[in-house]
Protein backbone atom coordinates (compact mmCIF):
# COMPACT_ATOMS: atom_id res chain seq x y z
CA UNK A 1 88.39 98.12 78.53
CA UNK A 2 91.65 99.49 77.21
CA UNK A 3 93.45 101.99 79.36
CA UNK A 4 93.89 105.22 77.41
CA UNK A 5 95.57 108.18 79.06
CA UNK A 6 95.00 111.53 77.37
CA UNK A 7 98.06 113.69 76.83
CA UNK A 8 96.53 116.25 79.15
CA UNK A 9 96.45 113.77 82.00
CA UNK A 10 99.93 112.48 81.22
CA UNK A 11 101.59 115.87 81.09
CA UNK A 12 99.87 117.20 84.19
CA UNK A 13 99.86 114.15 86.39
CA UNK A 14 101.14 113.82 89.96
CA UNK A 15 99.08 116.71 91.14
CA UNK A 16 98.01 115.01 94.36
CA UNK A 17 98.15 111.81 96.32
CA UNK A 18 95.29 109.90 94.80
CA UNK A 19 93.61 112.52 92.69
CA UNK A 20 91.10 109.99 91.40
CA UNK A 21 88.97 107.55 93.32
CA UNK A 22 91.13 104.55 94.25
CA UNK A 23 92.07 102.16 97.06
CA UNK A 24 94.19 104.66 98.97
CA UNK A 25 91.66 107.48 98.76
CA UNK A 26 88.85 105.14 99.79
CA UNK A 27 90.83 104.18 102.87
CA UNK A 28 91.56 107.82 103.72
CA UNK A 29 87.90 108.84 103.50
CA UNK A 30 86.29 105.87 105.26
CA UNK A 31 88.78 104.09 107.54
CA UNK A 32 87.80 105.26 111.05
CA UNK A 33 90.95 104.05 112.83
CA UNK A 34 90.61 106.70 115.51
CA UNK A 35 88.71 107.47 118.72
CA UNK A 36 86.40 110.49 118.67
CA UNK A 37 83.31 111.46 120.62
CA UNK A 38 82.56 112.52 124.18
CA UNK A 39 85.46 113.17 126.54
CA UNK A 40 84.47 110.11 128.61
CA UNK A 41 84.47 107.92 125.51
CA UNK A 42 87.84 109.28 124.34
CA UNK A 43 89.36 109.06 127.82
CA UNK A 44 88.48 105.36 127.97
CA UNK A 45 89.88 104.71 124.50
CA UNK A 46 86.41 104.14 123.06
CA UNK A 47 86.09 100.94 125.09
CA UNK A 48 82.43 101.01 126.15
CA UNK A 49 81.12 98.17 123.98
CA UNK A 50 80.11 95.97 126.93
CA UNK A 51 80.07 98.63 129.63
CA UNK A 52 77.63 100.92 127.82
CA UNK A 53 76.24 104.11 129.26
CA UNK A 54 77.99 106.56 126.89
CA UNK A 55 76.24 108.22 123.96
CA UNK A 56 79.29 107.91 121.68
CA UNK A 57 78.92 104.13 121.94
CA UNK A 58 75.90 104.55 119.66
CA UNK A 59 78.22 103.80 116.72
CA UNK A 60 80.23 101.10 118.49
CA UNK A 61 77.64 98.88 120.18
CA UNK A 62 74.10 100.31 119.93
CA UNK A 63 73.02 98.19 122.90
CA UNK A 64 75.08 100.46 125.16
CA UNK A 65 72.39 103.15 124.81
CA UNK A 66 70.01 100.71 126.50
CA UNK A 67 72.23 101.03 129.59
CA UNK A 68 71.00 104.59 130.23
CA UNK A 69 68.40 104.63 133.02
CA UNK A 70 67.91 108.41 132.89
CA UNK A 71 67.62 110.80 129.96
CA UNK A 72 70.80 112.56 128.95
CA UNK A 73 72.12 115.39 126.74
CA UNK A 74 75.72 116.39 125.96
CA UNK A 75 77.81 118.65 123.77
CA UNK A 76 81.56 118.63 123.16
CA UNK A 77 84.38 120.48 121.42
CA UNK A 78 88.11 119.96 121.07
CA UNK A 79 91.42 120.66 119.38
CA UNK A 80 93.76 118.51 117.27
CA UNK A 81 97.46 119.37 117.19
CA UNK A 82 99.92 117.70 114.80
CA UNK A 83 103.42 117.02 116.11
CA UNK A 84 105.23 117.63 112.81
CA UNK A 85 106.01 121.23 111.87
CA UNK A 86 103.31 122.44 109.46
CA UNK A 87 103.95 124.12 106.14
CA UNK A 88 104.43 127.87 106.12
CA UNK A 89 101.12 129.69 106.70
CA UNK A 90 99.45 126.45 107.85
CA UNK A 91 98.22 126.00 111.41
CA UNK A 92 99.52 123.30 113.72
CA UNK A 93 96.28 123.19 115.76
CA UNK A 94 92.72 122.85 114.47
CA UNK A 95 89.63 123.33 116.61
CA UNK A 96 86.59 121.19 116.05
CA UNK A 97 82.99 120.60 117.03
CA UNK A 98 83.14 117.00 118.24
CA UNK A 99 79.73 115.87 119.41
CA UNK A 100 76.16 116.80 120.32
CA UNK A 101 73.37 114.39 121.22
CA UNK A 102 70.68 113.25 123.60
CA UNK A 103 69.07 110.09 124.97
CA UNK A 104 65.40 109.80 125.94
CA UNK A 105 64.60 107.04 128.45
CA UNK A 106 61.11 105.53 128.72
CA UNK A 107 61.22 103.36 131.87
CA UNK A 108 58.97 100.34 132.36
CA UNK A 109 58.40 97.90 135.18
CA UNK A 110 60.92 95.28 136.33
CA UNK A 111 64.10 96.92 135.00
CA UNK A 112 62.73 97.08 131.47
CA UNK A 113 62.94 100.24 129.39
CA UNK A 114 62.86 101.59 125.87
CA UNK A 115 65.35 104.27 124.87
CA UNK A 116 65.76 106.55 121.89
CA UNK A 117 68.88 108.54 120.98
CA UNK A 118 70.16 110.96 118.38
CA UNK A 119 73.84 111.86 118.12
CA UNK A 120 76.01 113.92 115.74
CA UNK A 121 79.68 113.07 116.08
CA UNK A 122 82.96 113.59 114.28
CA UNK A 123 84.37 110.31 112.96
CA UNK A 124 87.46 111.60 111.16
CA UNK A 125 89.38 114.83 110.82
CA UNK A 126 91.30 115.42 107.58
CA UNK A 127 93.15 118.51 108.85
CA UNK A 128 96.84 117.99 108.18
CA UNK A 129 99.84 119.86 106.81
CA UNK A 130 102.28 117.46 105.17
CA UNK A 131 105.68 117.62 103.48
CA UNK A 132 107.84 114.84 102.05
CA UNK A 133 111.24 115.37 100.42
CA UNK A 134 113.36 112.71 98.76
CA UNK A 135 116.93 113.85 98.11
CA UNK A 136 118.14 110.60 96.57
CA UNK A 137 115.97 109.50 93.64
CA UNK A 138 118.92 107.88 91.88
CA UNK A 139 117.49 108.83 88.51
CA UNK A 140 114.09 107.28 89.19
CA UNK A 141 111.38 109.64 88.09
CA UNK A 142 107.68 110.22 88.02
CA UNK A 143 108.12 111.25 84.40
CA UNK A 144 109.44 107.77 83.63
CA UNK A 145 106.34 106.21 85.13
CA UNK A 146 104.19 108.41 82.91
CA UNK A 147 106.36 107.48 79.97
CA UNK A 148 105.33 103.90 80.56
CA UNK A 149 101.66 104.70 81.23
CA UNK A 150 101.38 106.85 78.11
CA UNK A 151 102.56 104.02 75.83
CA UNK A 152 100.53 101.14 77.24
CA UNK A 153 98.30 100.97 74.18
CA UNK A 154 101.05 101.27 71.57
CA UNK A 155 102.53 98.09 70.12
CA UNK A 156 105.33 100.12 68.54
CA UNK A 157 106.66 103.57 69.25
CA UNK A 158 106.96 104.49 65.59
CA UNK A 159 109.39 107.03 64.27
CA UNK A 160 108.77 109.68 66.90
CA UNK A 161 111.09 109.96 69.89
CA UNK A 162 109.94 108.00 72.89
CA UNK A 163 109.30 111.21 74.82
CA UNK A 164 106.60 112.51 72.48
CA UNK A 165 103.47 111.14 74.26
CA UNK A 166 104.40 112.80 77.55
CA UNK A 167 106.01 115.95 76.25
CA UNK A 168 105.61 118.90 78.60
CA UNK A 169 107.20 117.30 81.63
CA UNK A 170 110.69 117.82 80.30
CA UNK A 171 112.49 119.20 77.27
CA UNK A 172 112.11 117.34 74.00
CA UNK A 173 114.45 118.90 71.44
CA UNK A 174 117.37 121.29 71.72
CA UNK A 175 118.03 123.81 68.96
CA UNK A 176 120.91 121.70 67.64
CA UNK A 177 118.57 118.78 66.98
CA UNK A 178 119.53 116.68 69.99
CA UNK A 179 117.05 115.86 72.74
CA UNK A 180 117.44 115.71 76.47
CA UNK A 181 118.17 112.64 78.51
CA UNK A 182 116.45 112.61 81.89
CA UNK A 183 117.99 111.93 85.29
CA UNK A 184 115.92 112.89 88.34
CA UNK A 185 117.81 114.02 91.45
CA UNK A 186 115.27 114.86 94.12
CA UNK A 187 111.67 115.88 94.66
CA UNK A 188 109.49 117.72 97.16
CA UNK A 189 105.84 117.15 97.95
CA UNK A 190 103.66 119.63 99.84
CA UNK A 191 100.05 118.98 100.83
CA UNK A 192 97.43 120.63 103.02
CA UNK A 193 94.17 118.82 103.65
CA UNK A 194 91.07 119.78 105.60
CA UNK A 195 87.53 118.62 106.23
CA UNK A 196 85.62 116.10 108.32
CA UNK A 197 83.72 112.83 108.27
CA UNK A 198 80.67 113.29 110.51
CA UNK A 199 78.16 110.63 111.58
CA UNK A 200 74.53 111.32 112.45
CA UNK A 201 73.18 108.27 114.31
CA UNK A 202 69.57 107.41 115.16
CA UNK A 203 69.21 104.74 117.83
CA UNK A 204 66.49 102.64 119.40
CA UNK A 205 67.49 100.38 122.27
CA UNK A 206 66.23 98.83 125.45
CA UNK A 207 66.84 96.73 128.54
CA UNK A 208 65.22 93.49 129.73
CA UNK A 209 65.41 92.94 133.50
CA UNK A 210 68.59 95.04 133.51
CA UNK A 211 70.48 91.96 132.28
CA UNK A 212 69.92 91.90 128.53
CA UNK A 213 70.46 95.07 126.55
CA UNK A 214 69.75 95.42 122.86
CA UNK A 215 70.06 98.19 120.31
CA UNK A 216 69.99 99.16 116.65
CA UNK A 217 71.43 102.27 115.01
CA UNK A 218 70.81 103.77 111.61
CA UNK A 219 73.69 106.05 110.64
CA UNK A 220 74.23 108.77 108.07
CA UNK A 221 77.83 109.73 107.33
CA UNK A 222 78.77 113.04 105.71
CA UNK A 223 82.16 113.52 104.04
CA UNK A 224 83.71 116.87 103.22
CA UNK A 225 87.35 116.75 102.08
CA UNK A 226 89.59 119.43 100.55
CA UNK A 227 93.19 119.24 99.42
CA UNK A 228 95.72 121.56 97.85
CA UNK A 229 99.44 121.36 97.33
CA UNK A 230 102.30 120.92 94.92
CA UNK A 231 104.90 118.47 93.69
CA UNK A 232 108.35 119.56 92.45
CA UNK A 233 110.88 117.33 90.69
CA UNK A 234 114.45 118.40 89.93
CA UNK A 235 116.69 116.76 87.35
CA UNK A 236 119.95 117.08 85.46
CA UNK A 237 119.98 117.92 81.79
CA UNK A 238 121.80 115.70 79.32
CA UNK A 239 122.06 116.32 75.59
CA UNK A 240 121.60 113.15 73.54
CA UNK A 241 122.11 112.56 69.83
CA UNK A 242 120.63 109.66 67.92
CA UNK A 243 121.06 108.00 64.57
CA UNK A 244 118.37 107.50 61.92
CA UNK A 245 116.98 104.48 63.82
CA UNK A 246 116.63 106.48 67.05
CA UNK A 247 119.58 104.70 68.65
CA UNK A 248 121.48 106.89 71.12
CA UNK A 249 124.93 107.71 69.85
CA UNK A 250 126.13 110.10 72.58
CA UNK A 251 125.13 111.52 75.96
CA UNK A 252 126.70 114.64 77.43
CA UNK A 253 125.91 116.50 80.65
CA UNK A 254 124.99 120.16 80.31
CA UNK A 255 126.08 123.08 82.41
CA UNK A 256 123.43 125.04 84.28
CA UNK A 257 123.64 128.01 81.93
CA UNK A 258 123.08 125.64 79.01
CA UNK A 259 119.90 124.18 80.41
CA UNK A 260 121.50 121.48 82.52
CA UNK A 261 119.43 121.92 85.70
CA UNK A 262 115.69 121.80 85.20
CA UNK A 263 112.56 121.35 87.26
CA UNK A 264 108.81 121.13 86.96
CA UNK A 265 106.13 121.96 89.47
CA UNK A 266 102.60 120.65 89.52
CA UNK A 267 99.95 122.19 91.75
CA UNK A 268 96.38 121.22 92.47
CA UNK A 269 93.15 121.90 94.28
CA UNK A 270 90.64 119.18 95.06
CA UNK A 271 87.30 118.66 96.80
CA UNK A 272 85.33 115.49 97.59
CA UNK A 273 81.91 115.50 99.19
CA UNK A 274 79.46 112.71 99.80
CA UNK A 275 76.97 110.98 102.03
CA UNK A 276 76.58 107.36 103.12
CA UNK A 277 74.37 105.22 105.31
CA UNK A 278 74.88 102.13 107.47
CA UNK A 279 73.30 99.97 110.15
CA UNK A 280 74.64 98.66 113.44
CA UNK A 281 73.05 96.10 115.75
CA UNK A 282 74.29 94.83 119.06
CA UNK A 283 73.58 93.26 122.40
CA UNK A 284 75.05 93.28 125.91
CA UNK A 285 74.36 90.33 128.20
CA UNK A 286 74.98 89.88 131.94
CA UNK A 287 75.03 86.06 132.15
CA UNK A 288 75.20 85.87 135.96
CA UNK A 289 72.37 87.25 138.08
CA UNK A 290 73.41 89.98 140.54
CA UNK A 291 76.88 90.08 138.99
CA UNK A 292 78.02 93.12 136.93
CA UNK A 293 80.22 91.06 134.58
CA UNK A 294 78.92 91.28 131.01
CA UNK A 295 79.87 90.72 127.38
CA UNK A 296 78.85 92.51 124.21
CA UNK A 297 78.45 91.62 120.56
CA UNK A 298 77.97 94.06 117.67
CA UNK A 299 77.97 94.08 113.87
CA UNK A 300 78.32 97.11 111.64
CA UNK A 301 77.34 96.89 108.00
CA UNK A 302 79.35 98.67 105.31
CA UNK A 303 78.62 102.34 104.82
CA UNK A 304 77.28 102.86 101.31
CA UNK A 305 78.75 106.16 100.14
CA UNK A 306 77.84 108.28 97.12
CA UNK A 307 80.68 110.70 96.37
CA UNK A 308 81.32 113.65 94.08
CA UNK A 309 84.84 114.77 93.25
CA UNK A 310 86.02 117.97 91.61
CA UNK A 311 89.61 119.04 91.08
CA UNK A 312 91.73 121.35 89.01
CA UNK A 313 95.48 121.39 88.40
CA UNK A 314 98.22 123.31 86.67
CA UNK A 315 101.89 122.82 85.91
CA UNK A 316 104.94 125.06 85.57
CA UNK A 317 108.25 123.91 84.16
CA UNK A 318 111.53 125.60 83.41
CA UNK A 319 113.66 125.92 80.26
CA UNK A 320 111.16 124.11 78.08
CA UNK A 321 112.07 123.72 74.42
CA UNK A 322 109.65 122.34 71.89
CA UNK A 323 108.84 123.22 68.29
CA UNK A 324 105.16 122.37 68.78
CA UNK A 325 105.12 120.59 65.41
CA UNK A 326 103.83 117.23 66.65
CA UNK A 327 100.27 118.39 67.19
CA UNK A 328 99.59 121.19 64.68
CA UNK A 329 96.27 122.92 65.16
CA UNK A 330 95.96 121.86 68.79
CA UNK A 331 96.30 124.98 70.93
CA UNK A 332 96.31 122.82 74.02
CA UNK A 333 99.84 121.66 73.23
CA UNK A 334 101.31 124.69 71.49
CA UNK A 335 103.70 126.12 74.06
CA UNK A 336 105.56 129.40 73.87
CA UNK A 337 109.19 129.35 74.86
CA UNK A 338 111.47 132.16 75.96
CA UNK A 339 114.97 131.49 77.27
CA UNK A 340 115.20 131.34 81.07
CA UNK A 341 111.43 131.77 81.46
CA UNK A 342 108.97 129.42 83.08
CA UNK A 343 106.06 128.05 81.08
CA UNK A 344 102.69 127.46 82.72
CA UNK A 345 99.80 125.24 81.67
CA UNK A 346 96.36 125.38 83.31
CA UNK A 347 93.85 122.54 83.11
CA UNK A 348 91.20 123.66 80.59
CA UNK A 349 88.28 122.35 82.64
CA UNK A 350 87.68 121.07 86.14
CA UNK A 351 87.82 117.30 86.45
CA UNK A 352 84.56 115.86 87.75
CA UNK A 353 83.83 112.33 88.87
CA UNK A 354 80.93 110.62 90.62
CA UNK A 355 81.71 107.37 92.37
CA UNK A 356 80.42 104.99 95.04
CA UNK A 357 82.30 103.37 97.90
CA UNK A 358 81.23 100.53 100.18
CA UNK A 359 83.28 100.59 103.39
CA UNK A 360 84.21 97.41 105.33
CA UNK A 361 82.04 95.13 107.42
CA UNK A 362 83.02 95.30 111.12
CA UNK A 363 82.57 92.72 113.87
CA UNK A 364 83.05 93.47 117.58
CA UNK A 365 83.28 91.45 120.80
CA UNK A 366 83.75 93.00 124.25
CA UNK A 367 83.99 92.15 127.94
CA UNK A 368 83.39 94.44 130.92
CA UNK A 369 83.04 94.39 134.68
CA UNK A 370 82.44 96.78 137.58
CA UNK A 371 84.08 96.22 140.98
CA UNK A 372 82.38 97.53 144.11
CA UNK A 373 80.82 100.32 142.08
CA UNK A 374 84.21 102.06 142.03
CA UNK A 375 86.38 100.52 139.28
CA UNK A 376 85.04 99.67 135.81
CA UNK A 377 86.97 98.16 132.90
CA UNK A 378 86.17 97.23 129.31
CA UNK A 379 88.22 95.27 126.76
CA UNK A 380 87.19 94.91 123.11
CA UNK A 381 88.27 93.29 119.87
CA UNK A 382 87.15 94.48 116.44
CA UNK A 383 87.88 93.03 113.02
CA UNK A 384 87.38 95.20 109.94
CA UNK A 385 87.35 93.67 106.45
CA UNK A 386 89.33 96.49 104.82
CA UNK A 387 90.48 94.29 101.95
CA UNK A 388 86.84 93.96 100.86
CA UNK A 389 86.13 97.66 100.38
CA UNK A 390 84.28 98.01 97.08
CA UNK A 391 83.93 100.88 94.63
CA UNK A 392 81.94 101.63 91.50
CA UNK A 393 80.20 104.30 89.48
CA UNK A 394 76.60 105.39 88.84
CA UNK A 395 75.28 105.02 85.29
CA UNK A 396 72.24 107.14 84.42
CA UNK A 397 69.75 105.71 81.95
CA UNK A 398 66.45 106.99 80.56
CA UNK A 399 63.45 104.74 81.03
CA UNK A 400 60.44 104.25 78.77
CA UNK A 401 58.39 106.75 80.80
CA UNK A 402 60.76 109.60 80.12
CA UNK A 403 62.33 109.44 83.56
CA UNK A 404 65.82 108.50 84.61
CA UNK A 405 67.10 105.45 86.44
CA UNK A 406 70.49 104.81 87.99
CA UNK A 407 72.53 101.63 87.78
CA UNK A 408 75.65 101.05 89.85
CA UNK A 409 78.57 99.56 87.93
CA UNK A 410 81.28 97.81 89.93
CA UNK A 411 84.93 98.72 89.33
CA UNK A 412 86.37 95.21 89.14
CA UNK A 413 89.90 96.40 88.46
CA UNK A 414 90.03 98.72 91.47
CA UNK A 415 88.32 96.17 93.70
CA UNK A 416 90.93 93.61 92.67
CA UNK A 417 93.72 96.05 93.54
CA UNK A 418 92.13 96.66 96.95
CA UNK A 419 92.02 92.95 97.65
CA UNK A 420 95.67 92.58 96.62
CA UNK A 421 97.21 95.43 98.63
CA UNK A 422 94.83 95.95 101.59
CA UNK A 423 94.25 93.60 104.50
CA UNK A 424 91.84 93.14 107.37
CA UNK A 425 92.43 95.45 110.32
CA UNK A 426 92.58 94.21 113.92
CA UNK A 427 91.58 96.68 116.60
CA UNK A 428 92.11 96.12 120.34
CA UNK A 429 90.63 98.60 122.80
CA UNK A 430 90.95 98.77 126.56
CA UNK A 431 89.43 101.27 128.96
CA UNK A 432 89.53 101.88 132.72
CA UNK A 433 87.37 104.16 134.86
CA UNK A 434 87.90 104.82 138.58
CA UNK A 435 85.50 106.68 140.86
CA UNK A 436 88.14 108.64 142.80
CA UNK A 437 85.64 110.52 145.02
CA UNK A 438 81.99 111.41 145.18
CA UNK A 439 82.44 113.96 142.42
CA UNK A 440 85.61 113.07 140.49
CA UNK A 441 86.31 110.23 138.05
CA UNK A 442 89.63 109.24 136.46
CA UNK A 443 89.94 107.40 133.13
CA UNK A 444 92.57 105.82 130.91
CA UNK A 445 92.42 104.03 127.56
CA UNK A 446 94.49 102.35 124.86
CA UNK A 447 93.87 101.48 121.21
CA UNK A 448 95.83 99.43 118.71
CA UNK A 449 94.94 99.32 115.01
CA UNK A 450 96.99 97.08 112.72
CA UNK A 451 98.24 98.41 109.38
CA UNK A 452 95.54 98.57 106.67
CA UNK A 453 98.02 97.73 103.87
CA UNK A 454 100.19 94.74 103.10
CA UNK A 455 103.96 94.99 103.10
CA UNK A 456 105.32 96.54 99.89
CA UNK A 457 101.86 97.57 98.68
CA UNK A 458 101.90 99.61 95.47
CA UNK A 459 99.48 101.91 93.67
CA UNK A 460 99.28 100.01 90.37
CA UNK A 461 97.94 102.37 87.69
CA UNK A 462 98.09 99.77 84.94
CA UNK A 463 94.92 98.05 86.18
CA UNK A 464 91.83 97.87 84.00
CA UNK A 465 89.81 100.46 85.93
CA UNK A 466 87.64 103.38 84.87
CA UNK A 467 89.27 105.45 87.62
CA UNK A 468 92.55 105.26 85.72
CA UNK A 469 90.97 107.38 82.98
CA UNK A 470 90.65 110.16 85.56
CA UNK A 471 93.79 109.72 87.62
CA UNK A 472 96.11 112.71 87.85
CA UNK A 473 98.40 111.47 90.60
CA UNK A 474 100.98 108.78 91.26
CA UNK A 475 101.71 109.20 94.97
CA UNK A 476 100.64 106.82 97.71
CA UNK A 477 101.13 106.47 101.46
CA UNK A 478 101.46 103.02 103.05
CA UNK A 479 100.21 103.51 106.60
CA UNK A 480 101.66 101.63 109.54
CA UNK A 481 99.95 100.47 112.72
CA UNK A 482 98.25 102.99 115.00
CA UNK A 483 98.70 103.27 118.77
CA UNK A 484 96.44 105.59 120.78
CA UNK A 485 96.93 106.46 124.45
CA UNK A 486 94.27 108.49 126.27
CA UNK A 487 93.56 109.89 129.72
CA UNK A 488 90.56 111.66 131.13
CA UNK A 489 88.99 113.28 134.14
CA UNK A 490 85.35 113.90 134.98
CA UNK A 491 83.42 116.02 137.47
CA UNK A 492 79.74 115.52 138.27
CA UNK A 493 77.31 117.11 140.70
CA UNK A 494 73.48 117.15 140.80
CA UNK A 495 73.03 115.77 137.29
CA UNK A 496 75.65 118.05 135.73
CA UNK A 497 78.78 116.51 134.15
CA UNK A 498 81.99 118.13 132.91
CA UNK A 499 84.58 115.84 131.29
CA UNK A 500 87.98 116.40 129.70
CA UNK A 501 90.27 114.00 127.83
CA UNK A 502 93.74 114.00 126.29
CA UNK A 503 94.67 111.63 123.48
CA UNK A 504 98.02 110.93 121.82
CA UNK A 505 97.67 109.21 118.45
CA UNK A 506 100.87 107.65 117.05
CA UNK A 507 101.24 106.44 113.45
CA UNK A 508 104.01 106.25 110.86
CA UNK A 509 103.81 105.84 107.12
CA UNK A 510 106.00 105.27 104.04
CA UNK A 511 105.40 107.88 101.35
CA UNK A 512 106.12 107.16 97.68
CA UNK A 513 105.97 109.95 95.10
CA UNK A 514 105.45 107.37 92.34
CA UNK A 515 105.60 103.64 91.66
CA UNK A 516 108.99 102.34 90.51
CA UNK A 517 107.66 99.08 89.05
CA UNK A 518 107.99 100.51 85.52
CA UNK A 519 111.71 99.67 85.85
CA UNK A 520 111.00 95.98 85.34
CA UNK A 521 108.70 96.47 82.34
CA UNK A 522 109.64 96.15 78.69
CA UNK A 523 108.59 99.73 77.96
CA UNK A 524 111.29 101.24 80.19
CA UNK A 525 112.75 104.12 78.20
CA UNK A 526 116.47 104.30 77.55
CA UNK A 527 116.11 108.07 77.60
CA UNK A 528 115.95 107.87 81.42
CA UNK A 529 119.31 107.50 83.14
CA UNK A 530 119.02 105.64 86.44
CA UNK A 531 121.41 104.38 89.09
CA UNK A 532 118.97 102.28 91.11
CA UNK A 533 115.86 100.19 90.49
CA UNK A 534 114.14 100.71 93.84
CA UNK A 535 112.61 103.95 95.09
CA UNK A 536 113.44 104.75 98.68
CA UNK A 537 110.27 105.78 100.54
CA UNK A 538 110.10 108.85 102.75
CA UNK A 539 109.22 107.92 106.33
CA UNK A 540 106.68 110.33 107.75
CA UNK A 541 105.06 110.88 111.12
CA UNK A 542 101.30 111.32 111.47
CA UNK A 543 101.41 111.70 115.27
CA UNK A 544 98.82 114.00 116.81
CA UNK A 545 97.69 115.35 120.18
CA UNK A 546 93.94 115.74 120.83
CA UNK A 547 92.12 117.54 123.61
CA UNK A 548 88.37 117.06 124.11
CA UNK A 549 85.86 118.77 126.44
CA UNK A 550 82.27 117.64 127.00
CA UNK A 551 79.41 119.06 129.05
CA UNK A 552 76.49 116.80 129.92
CA UNK A 553 73.28 116.88 131.89
CA UNK A 554 71.24 113.97 133.23
CA UNK A 555 67.52 114.52 133.85
């Protein structure tokens, strides 16, 4: 399939990090590299895979629910506080409903039992206020990337100036017949996101002689994601004159009052919603009789998501000059111009896209022990096949009975990009719980998640992917490793439990407003004046403080 970018998409692009379905957006929506759930679970860093006995383990190792010997119900809420200063009018803290669930225990003779559980739990929070500014572009520009993308299907550029296919991002012609050269100075990116990824898990589990525990969980995941923000790029103005063959004969910088300093702003609004399902199976085995040491094994299938995306975007640019003669009769590209005024273009219709995502397979192994009924520890290792995330699109067809059937078409281009830039994620969890007194318990936990992306990963928009027909963004964020430290305290009396946990999540990332690889391609435009060939990323902090409270009752 040839990649054809409409002029609308080209002139309005960059509206958001990953405006279309792609590798980076798939990772954002489905990569659960975090610890959420009950305060006990969070306080122990989510390390209950072999220890069991916590309802949030329903999505980690389902066999842990078989460790309950009495029925249980719990509910929890919390707050998430970003460390970076939020954008103006955005909140630093966001409150959330974290978890609600129950376990029903059906005891049998000889330490055998059959348990059932239902739990609704937050997997991911998308609440974040984000800003990235790059003051040293060195002439590299998002507009230059679009210049390349817009000409991918043209063997020759013809007689028109190179800028014609992406006109609207910067001035084309000056009144004297010259056209502007383009040198980008700096840019600013602002983004506010919100929403959640919730999991509703149904579990059946059991115990055999209190030494072998088994469990299976069917999960439904619900995604609700919103995003809005803007991208601004500033550049110098240069007047260029050309000969009859379009060769540049002179370049001269312009003063500000002559149109020398220009900018464009692109703004957007976006929403993604969807639902997915998965299965988890696991076991916990105590190999030595009358010894609390145990190990756990668990497998989680991919979550099969069906998503719907809707977004709209608009652009404003300054000191635009264009005769509008290239596309006569097309109101979409007939711009009015008044000196010193800003010109605005609104997207004529909302973009809409349906797509499917298959999240990674996950494999878990854990060890746990309890000493004298006072100190318990759990250590786990998880491997997630993030480089094998798959995406595709539904195709609706009419059958011979007058009904409609759906076929899922794989996006081979996007799946190939995922395999090239993503990598498997290693997760190490460790948790400690100490019975400090008859009523108080202390907890601590640690998590390490390796980076989900390879070094120097890039969002390649030249791939042969249907998503590239919908893309309206060039930005991408290469996430680093994640470290999570957590602490907790619990109080229990007569079947009543009150738990609290604090979590500090640390993660850095390299933000790129666009991909600079166009510099090495034959279609690099001489209209763009550059001083460097490598875009310097903006280092950003995604650190966050979390507080979680849970109330539980055992009966």
